[in-house]
Amino acid sequence: MPKHIGNLILYDLEELSNELDITVFSLREYIKKGRLRAQKMGKKYFVTQDSINEYFNTSDFEEKEA
């Protein structure tokens, strides 16, 4: 269940992994490579809904062209 703080919707990597059906390891790699923006708080990374939207609105082709 995502956390709601005001207008923000935050997902931890485990929740996002279940929602997107990919591994937490893959998500950590996307964060490490800068493909997905996240913020670490304590021991967990959190990803905002805006970051998820940004990721899906940017194609790999556009990144390679730049």
PDB file of N, CA and C in Angstrom:
ATOM      1  N   MET A   1       0.838  -1.173   0.000  1.00  0.00           N
ATOM      2  CA  MET A   1       0.000   0.000   0.000  1.00  0.00           C
ATOM      3  C   MET A   1       0.890   1.245   0.000  1.00  0.00           C
ATOM      4  N   PRO A   2       0.772   2.086  -1.015  1.00  0.00           N
ATOM      5  CA  PRO A   2       1.593   3.297  -1.058  1.00  0.00           C
ATOM      6  C   PRO A   2       1.258   4.227   0.099  1.00  0.00           C
ATOM      7  N   LYS A   3       2.226   5.058   0.455  1.00  0.00           N
ATOM      8  CA  LYS A   3       2.032   6.017   1.528  1.00  0.00           C
ATOM      9  C   LYS A   3       1.645   7.362   0.923  1.00  0.00           C
ATOM     10  N   HIS A   4       0.684   8.016   1.538  1.00  0.00           N
ATOM     11  CA  HIS A   4       0.213   9.324   1.083  1.00  0.00           C
ATOM     12  C   HIS A   4       0.648  10.374   2.095  1.00  0.00           C
ATOM     13  N   ILE A   5       1.401  11.357   1.609  1.00  0.00           N
ATOM     14  CA  ILE A   5       1.818  12.479   2.442  1.00  0.00           C
ATOM     15  C   ILE A   5       1.417  13.743   1.688  1.00  0.00           C
ATOM     16  N   GLY A   6       0.348  14.346   2.108  1.00  0.00           N
ATOM     17  CA  GLY A   6      -0.182  15.496   1.370  1.00  0.00           C
ATOM     18  C   GLY A   6      -0.556  15.053  -0.037  1.00  0.00           C
ATOM     19  N   ASN A   7       0.008  15.712  -1.032  1.00  0.00           N
ATOM     20  CA  ASN A   7      -0.253  15.362  -2.428  1.00  0.00           C
ATOM     21  C   ASN A   7       0.702  14.301  -2.963  1.00  0.00           C
ATOM     22  N   LEU A   8       1.706  13.929  -2.157  1.00  0.00           N
ATOM     23  CA  LEU A   8       2.686  12.940  -2.598  1.00  0.00           C
ATOM     24  C   LEU A   8       2.180  11.523  -2.399  1.00  0.00           C
ATOM     25  N   ILE A   9       2.489  10.680  -3.354  1.00  0.00           N
ATOM     26  CA  ILE A   9       2.245   9.245  -3.226  1.00  0.00           C
ATOM     27  C   ILE A   9       3.613   8.587  -3.305  1.00  0.00           C
ATOM     28  N   LEU A  10       3.996   7.871  -2.252  1.00  0.00           N
ATOM     29  CA  LEU A  10       5.307   7.245  -2.161  1.00  0.00           C
ATOM     30  C   LEU A  10       5.193   5.727  -2.158  1.00  0.00           C
ATOM     31  N   TYR A  11       6.050   5.095  -2.957  1.00  0.00           N
ATOM     32  CA  TYR A  11       6.131   3.636  -3.000  1.00  0.00           C
ATOM     33  C   TYR A  11       7.506   3.219  -2.521  1.00  0.00           C
ATOM     34  N   ASP A  12       7.580   2.199  -1.659  1.00  0.00           N
ATOM     35  CA  ASP A  12       8.895   1.637  -1.387  1.00  0.00           C
ATOM     36  C   ASP A  12       9.181   0.616  -2.486  1.00  0.00           C
ATOM     37  N   LEU A  13      10.410   0.156  -2.577  1.00  0.00           N
ATOM     38  CA  LEU A  13      10.799  -0.699  -3.697  1.00  0.00           C
ATOM     39  C   LEU A  13      10.062  -2.030  -3.707  1.00  0.00           C
ATOM     40  N   GLU A  14       9.744  -2.562  -2.550  1.00  0.00           N
ATOM     41  CA  GLU A  14       9.017  -3.829  -2.501  1.00  0.00           C
ATOM     42  C   GLU A  14       7.610  -3.669  -3.082  1.00  0.00           C
ATOM     43  N   GLU A  15       6.951  -2.582  -2.720  1.00  0.00           N
ATOM     44  CA  GLU A  15       5.605  -2.320  -3.244  1.00  0.00           C
ATOM     45  C   GLU A  15       5.645  -2.109  -4.755  1.00  0.00           C
ATOM     46  N   LEU A  16       6.614  -1.315  -5.185  1.00  0.00           N
ATOM     47  CA  LEU A  16       6.739  -1.025  -6.615  1.00  0.00           C
ATOM     48  C   LEU A  16       7.088  -2.282  -7.398  1.00  0.00           C
ATOM     49  N   SER A  17       7.905  -3.123  -6.807  1.00  0.00           N
ATOM     50  CA  SER A  17       8.275  -4.390  -7.432  1.00  0.00           C
ATOM     51  C   SER A  17       7.038  -5.251  -7.680  1.00  0.00           C
ATOM     52  N   ASN A  18       6.164  -5.326  -6.685  1.00  0.00           N
ATOM     53  CA  ASN A  18       4.929  -6.107  -6.833  1.00  0.00           C
ATOM     54  C   ASN A  18       3.998  -5.489  -7.865  1.00  0.00           C
ATOM     55  N   GLU A  19       3.881  -4.159  -7.860  1.00  0.00           N
ATOM     56  CA  GLU A  19       2.988  -3.470  -8.794  1.00  0.00           C
ATOM     57  C   GLU A  19       3.438  -3.647 -10.244  1.00  0.00           C
ATOM     58  N   LEU A  20       4.758  -3.563 -10.473  1.00  0.00           N
ATOM     59  CA  LEU A  20       5.286  -3.609 -11.836  1.00  0.00           C
ATOM     60  C   LEU A  20       5.740  -5.001 -12.264  1.00  0.00           C
ATOM     61  N   ASP A  21       5.734  -5.936 -11.333  1.00  0.00           N
ATOM     62  CA  ASP A  21       6.149  -7.320 -11.595  1.00  0.00           C
ATOM     63  C   ASP A  21       7.593  -7.393 -12.110  1.00  0.00           C
ATOM     64  N   ILE A  22       8.476  -6.639 -11.445  1.00  0.00           N
ATOM     65  CA  ILE A  22       9.918  -6.727 -11.696  1.00  0.00           C
ATOM     66  C   ILE A  22      10.615  -6.843 -10.347  1.00  0.00           C
ATOM     67  N   THR A  23      11.864  -7.226 -10.370  1.00  0.00           N
ATOM     68  CA  THR A  23      12.567  -7.469  -9.113  1.00  0.00           C
ATOM     69  C   THR A  23      13.033  -6.170  -8.461  1.00  0.00           C
ATOM     70  N   VAL A  24      13.214  -6.236  -7.154  1.00  0.00           N
ATOM     71  CA  VAL A  24      13.763  -5.106  -6.411  1.00  0.00           C
ATOM     72  C   VAL A  24      15.175  -4.824  -6.916  1.00  0.00           C
ATOM     73  N   PHE A  25      15.920  -5.863  -7.264  1.00  0.00           N
ATOM     74  CA  PHE A  25      17.269  -5.693  -7.800  1.00  0.00           C
ATOM     75  C   PHE A  25      17.242  -4.825  -9.056  1.00  0.00           C
ATOM     76  N   SER A  26      16.301  -5.081  -9.955  1.00  0.00           N
ATOM     77  CA  SER A  26      16.183  -4.281 -11.183  1.00  0.00           C
ATOM     78  C   SER A  26      15.869  -2.830 -10.859  1.00  0.00           C
ATOM     79  N   LEU A  27      14.974  -2.609  -9.920  1.00  0.00           N
ATOM     80  CA  LEU A  27      14.641  -1.243  -9.523  1.00  0.00           C
ATOM     81  C   LEU A  27      15.861  -0.520  -8.963  1.00  0.00           C
ATOM     82  N   ARG A  28      16.647  -1.225  -8.143  1.00  0.00           N
ATOM     83  CA  ARG A  28      17.863  -0.615  -7.596  1.00  0.00           C
ATOM     84  C   ARG A  28      18.852  -0.263  -8.713  1.00  0.00           C
ATOM     85  N   GLU A  29      18.934  -1.090  -9.727  1.00  0.00           N
ATOM     86  CA  GLU A  29      19.808  -0.803 -10.872  1.00  0.00           C
ATOM     87  C   GLU A  29      19.320   0.428 -11.637  1.00  0.00           C
ATOM     88  N   TYR A  30      18.014   0.543 -11.829  1.00  0.00           N
ATOM     89  CA  TYR A  30      17.451   1.716 -12.509  1.00  0.00           C
ATOM     90  C   TYR A  30      17.776   2.987 -11.727  1.00  0.00           C
ATOM     91  N   ILE A  31      17.690   2.910 -10.405  1.00  0.00           N
ATOM     92  CA  ILE A  31      18.003   4.061  -9.554  1.00  0.00           C
ATOM     93  C   ILE A  31      19.492   4.389  -9.666  1.00  0.00           C
ATOM     94  N   LYS A  32      20.321   3.369  -9.575  1.00  0.00           N
ATOM     95  CA  LYS A  32      21.774   3.555  -9.641  1.00  0.00           C
ATOM     96  C   LYS A  32      22.199   4.185 -10.972  1.00  0.00           C
ATOM     97  N   LYS A  33      21.550   3.782 -12.074  1.00  0.00           N
ATOM     98  CA  LYS A  33      21.891   4.301 -13.398  1.00  0.00           C
ATOM     99  C   LYS A  33      21.211   5.631 -13.704  1.00  0.00           C
ATOM    100  N   GLY A  34      20.357   6.104 -12.792  1.00  0.00           N
ATOM    101  CA  GLY A  34      19.684   7.372 -12.984  1.00  0.00           C
ATOM    102  C   GLY A  34      18.451   7.306 -13.860  1.00  0.00           C
ATOM    103  N   ARG A  35      17.976   6.126 -14.165  1.00  0.00           N
ATOM    104  CA  ARG A  35      16.784   5.964 -15.002  1.00  0.00           C
ATOM    105  C   ARG A  35      15.502   6.179 -14.205  1.00  0.00           C
ATOM    106  N   LEU A  36      15.576   5.963 -12.894  1.00  0.00           N
ATOM    107  CA  LEU A  36      14.424   6.128 -12.007  1.00  0.00           C
ATOM    108  C   LEU A  36      14.875   6.957 -10.812  1.00  0.00           C
ATOM    109  N   ARG A  37      14.161   8.045 -10.547  1.00  0.00           N
ATOM    110  CA  ARG A  37      14.504   8.889  -9.407  1.00  0.00           C
ATOM    111  C   ARG A  37      13.883   8.316  -8.139  1.00  0.00           C
ATOM    112  N   ALA A  38      14.684   8.309  -7.078  1.00  0.00           N
ATOM    113  CA  ALA A  38      14.217   7.806  -5.780  1.00  0.00           C
ATOM    114  C   ALA A  38      14.955   8.555  -4.686  1.00  0.00           C
ATOM    115  N   GLN A  39      14.403   8.485  -3.493  1.00  0.00           N
ATOM    116  CA  GLN A  39      15.018   9.116  -2.335  1.00  0.00           C
ATOM    117  C   GLN A  39      15.155   8.072  -1.241  1.00  0.00           C
ATOM    118  N   LYS A  40      16.338   7.984  -0.662  1.00  0.00           N
ATOM    119  CA  LYS A  40      16.554   7.025   0.419  1.00  0.00           C
ATOM    120  C   LYS A  40      16.243   7.701   1.747  1.00  0.00           C
ATOM    121  N   MET A  41      15.399   7.040   2.513  1.00  0.00           N
ATOM    122  CA  MET A  41      15.047   7.503   3.853  1.00  0.00           C
ATOM    123  C   MET A  41      15.264   6.333   4.795  1.00  0.00           C
ATOM    124  N   GLY A  42      16.249   6.476   5.648  1.00  0.00           N
ATOM    125  CA  GLY A  42      16.603   5.358   6.518  1.00  0.00           C
ATOM    126  C   GLY A  42      17.227   4.252   5.687  1.00  0.00           C
ATOM    127  N   LYS A  43      16.658   3.074   5.756  1.00  0.00           N
ATOM    128  CA  LYS A  43      17.173   1.938   4.996  1.00  0.00           C
ATOM    129  C   LYS A  43      16.398   1.678   3.713  1.00  0.00           C
ATOM    130  N   LYS A  44      15.346   2.463   3.458  1.00  0.00           N
ATOM    131  CA  LYS A  44      14.487   2.195   2.303  1.00  0.00           C
ATOM    132  C   LYS A  44      14.563   3.315   1.276  1.00  0.00           C
ATOM    133  N   TYR A  45      14.400   2.916   0.024  1.00  0.00           N
ATOM    134  CA  TYR A  45      14.220   3.873  -1.053  1.00  0.00           C
ATOM    135  C   TYR A  45      12.735   4.073  -1.268  1.00  0.00           C
ATOM    136  N   PHE A  46      12.372   5.317  -1.584  1.00  0.00           N
ATOM    137  CA  PHE A  46      10.995   5.633  -1.918  1.00  0.00           C
ATOM    138  C   PHE A  46      10.948   6.314  -3.273  1.00  0.00           C
ATOM    139  N   VAL A  47       9.955   5.961  -4.060  1.00  0.00           N
ATOM    140  CA  VAL A  47       9.770   6.496  -5.400  1.00  0.00           C
ATOM    141  C   VAL A  47       8.412   7.181  -5.434  1.00  0.00           C
ATOM    142  N   THR A  48       8.370   8.398  -5.968  1.00  0.00           N
ATOM    143  CA  THR A  48       7.102   9.112  -6.058  1.00  0.00           C
ATOM    144  C   THR A  48       6.349   8.694  -7.312  1.00  0.00           C
ATOM    145  N   GLN A  49       5.056   8.957  -7.307  1.00  0.00           N
ATOM    146  CA  GLN A  49       4.232   8.681  -8.483  1.00  0.00           C
ATOM    147  C   GLN A  49       4.743   9.495  -9.667  1.00  0.00           C
ATOM    148  N   ASP A  50       5.181  10.733  -9.427  1.00  0.00           N
ATOM    149  CA  ASP A  50       5.723  11.573 -10.497  1.00  0.00           C
ATOM    150  C   ASP A  50       6.961  10.944 -11.125  1.00  0.00           C
ATOM    151  N   SER A  51       7.832  10.346 -10.313  1.00  0.00           N
ATOM    152  CA  SER A  51       9.028   9.681 -10.835  1.00  0.00           C
ATOM    153  C   SER A  51       8.661   8.483 -11.706  1.00  0.00           C
ATOM    154  N   ILE A  52       7.640   7.761 -11.296  1.00  0.00           N
ATOM    155  CA  ILE A  52       7.181   6.612 -12.081  1.00  0.00           C
ATOM    156  C   ILE A  52       6.621   7.093 -13.415  1.00  0.00           C
ATOM    157  N   ASN A  53       5.804   8.140 -13.378  1.00  0.00           N
ATOM    158  CA  ASN A  53       5.254   8.702 -14.615  1.00  0.00           C
ATOM    159  C   ASN A  53       6.365   9.186 -15.535  1.00  0.00           C
ATOM    160  N   GLU A  54       7.361   9.854 -14.966  1.00  0.00           N
ATOM    161  CA  GLU A  54       8.497  10.349 -15.747  1.00  0.00           C
ATOM    162  C   GLU A  54       9.246   9.190 -16.413  1.00  0.00           C
ATOM    163  N   TYR A  55       9.454   8.118 -15.667  1.00  0.00           N
ATOM    164  CA  TYR A  55      10.153   6.954 -16.211  1.00  0.00           C
ATOM    165  C   TYR A  55       9.417   6.389 -17.426  1.00  0.00           C
ATOM    166  N   PHE A  56       8.104   6.260 -17.313  1.00  0.00           N
ATOM    167  CA  PHE A  56       7.341   5.663 -18.402  1.00  0.00           C
ATOM    168  C   PHE A  56       7.105   6.618 -19.569  1.00  0.00           C
ATOM    169  N   ASN A  57       7.256   7.906 -19.351  1.00  0.00           N
ATOM    170  CA  ASN A  57       7.101   8.876 -20.429  1.00  0.00           C
ATOM    171  C   ASN A  57       8.399   9.119 -21.192  1.00  0.00           C
ATOM    172  N   THR A  58       9.527   8.609 -20.687  1.00  0.00           N
ATOM    173  CA  THR A  58      10.809   8.748 -21.345  1.00  0.00           C
ATOM    174  C   THR A  58      11.201   7.390 -21.918  1.00  0.00           C
ATOM    175  N   SER A  59      11.337   7.317 -23.224  1.00  0.00           N
ATOM    176  CA  SER A  59      11.693   6.033 -23.833  1.00  0.00           C
ATOM    177  C   SER A  59      13.196   5.841 -23.852  1.00  0.00           C
ATOM    178  N   ASP A  60      13.650   4.615 -23.952  1.00  0.00           N
ATOM    179  CA  ASP A  60      15.074   4.307 -24.060  1.00  0.00           C
ATOM    180  C   ASP A  60      15.671   4.915 -25.326  1.00  0.00           C
ATOM    181  N   PHE A  61      14.873   4.982 -26.382  1.00  0.00           N
ATOM    182  CA  PHE A  61      15.341   5.531 -27.639  1.00  0.00           C
ATOM    183  C   PHE A  61      15.729   7.002 -27.467  1.00  0.00           C
ATOM    184  N   GLU A  62      14.915   7.774 -26.769  1.00  0.00           N
ATOM    185  CA  GLU A  62      15.194   9.180 -26.556  1.00  0.00           C
ATOM    186  C   GLU A  62      16.468   9.363 -25.751  1.00  0.00           C
ATOM    187  N   GLU A  63      16.716   8.493 -24.756  1.00  0.00           N
ATOM    188  CA  GLU A  63      17.915   8.595 -23.937  1.00  0.00           C
ATOM    189  C   GLU A  63      19.156   8.301 -24.767  1.00  0.00           C
ATOM    190  N   LYS A  64      19.106   7.344 -25.683  1.00  0.00           N
ATOM    191  CA  LYS A  64      20.249   6.985 -26.512  1.00  0.00           C
ATOM    192  C   LYS A  64      20.551   8.076 -27.534  1.00  0.00           C
ATOM    193  N   GLU A  65      19.528   8.766 -27.992  1.00  0.00           N
ATOM    194  CA  GLU A  65      19.703   9.835 -28.968  1.00  0.00           C
ATOM    195  C   GLU A  65      20.395  11.037 -28.381  1.00  0.00           C
ATOM    196  N   ALA A  66      20.170  11.306 -27.097  1.00  0.00           N
ATOM    197  CA  ALA A  66      20.693  12.520 -26.467  1.00  0.00           C
ATOM    198  C   ALA A  66      22.171  12.486 -26.250  1.00  0.00           C
TER     199      ALA A  66
END
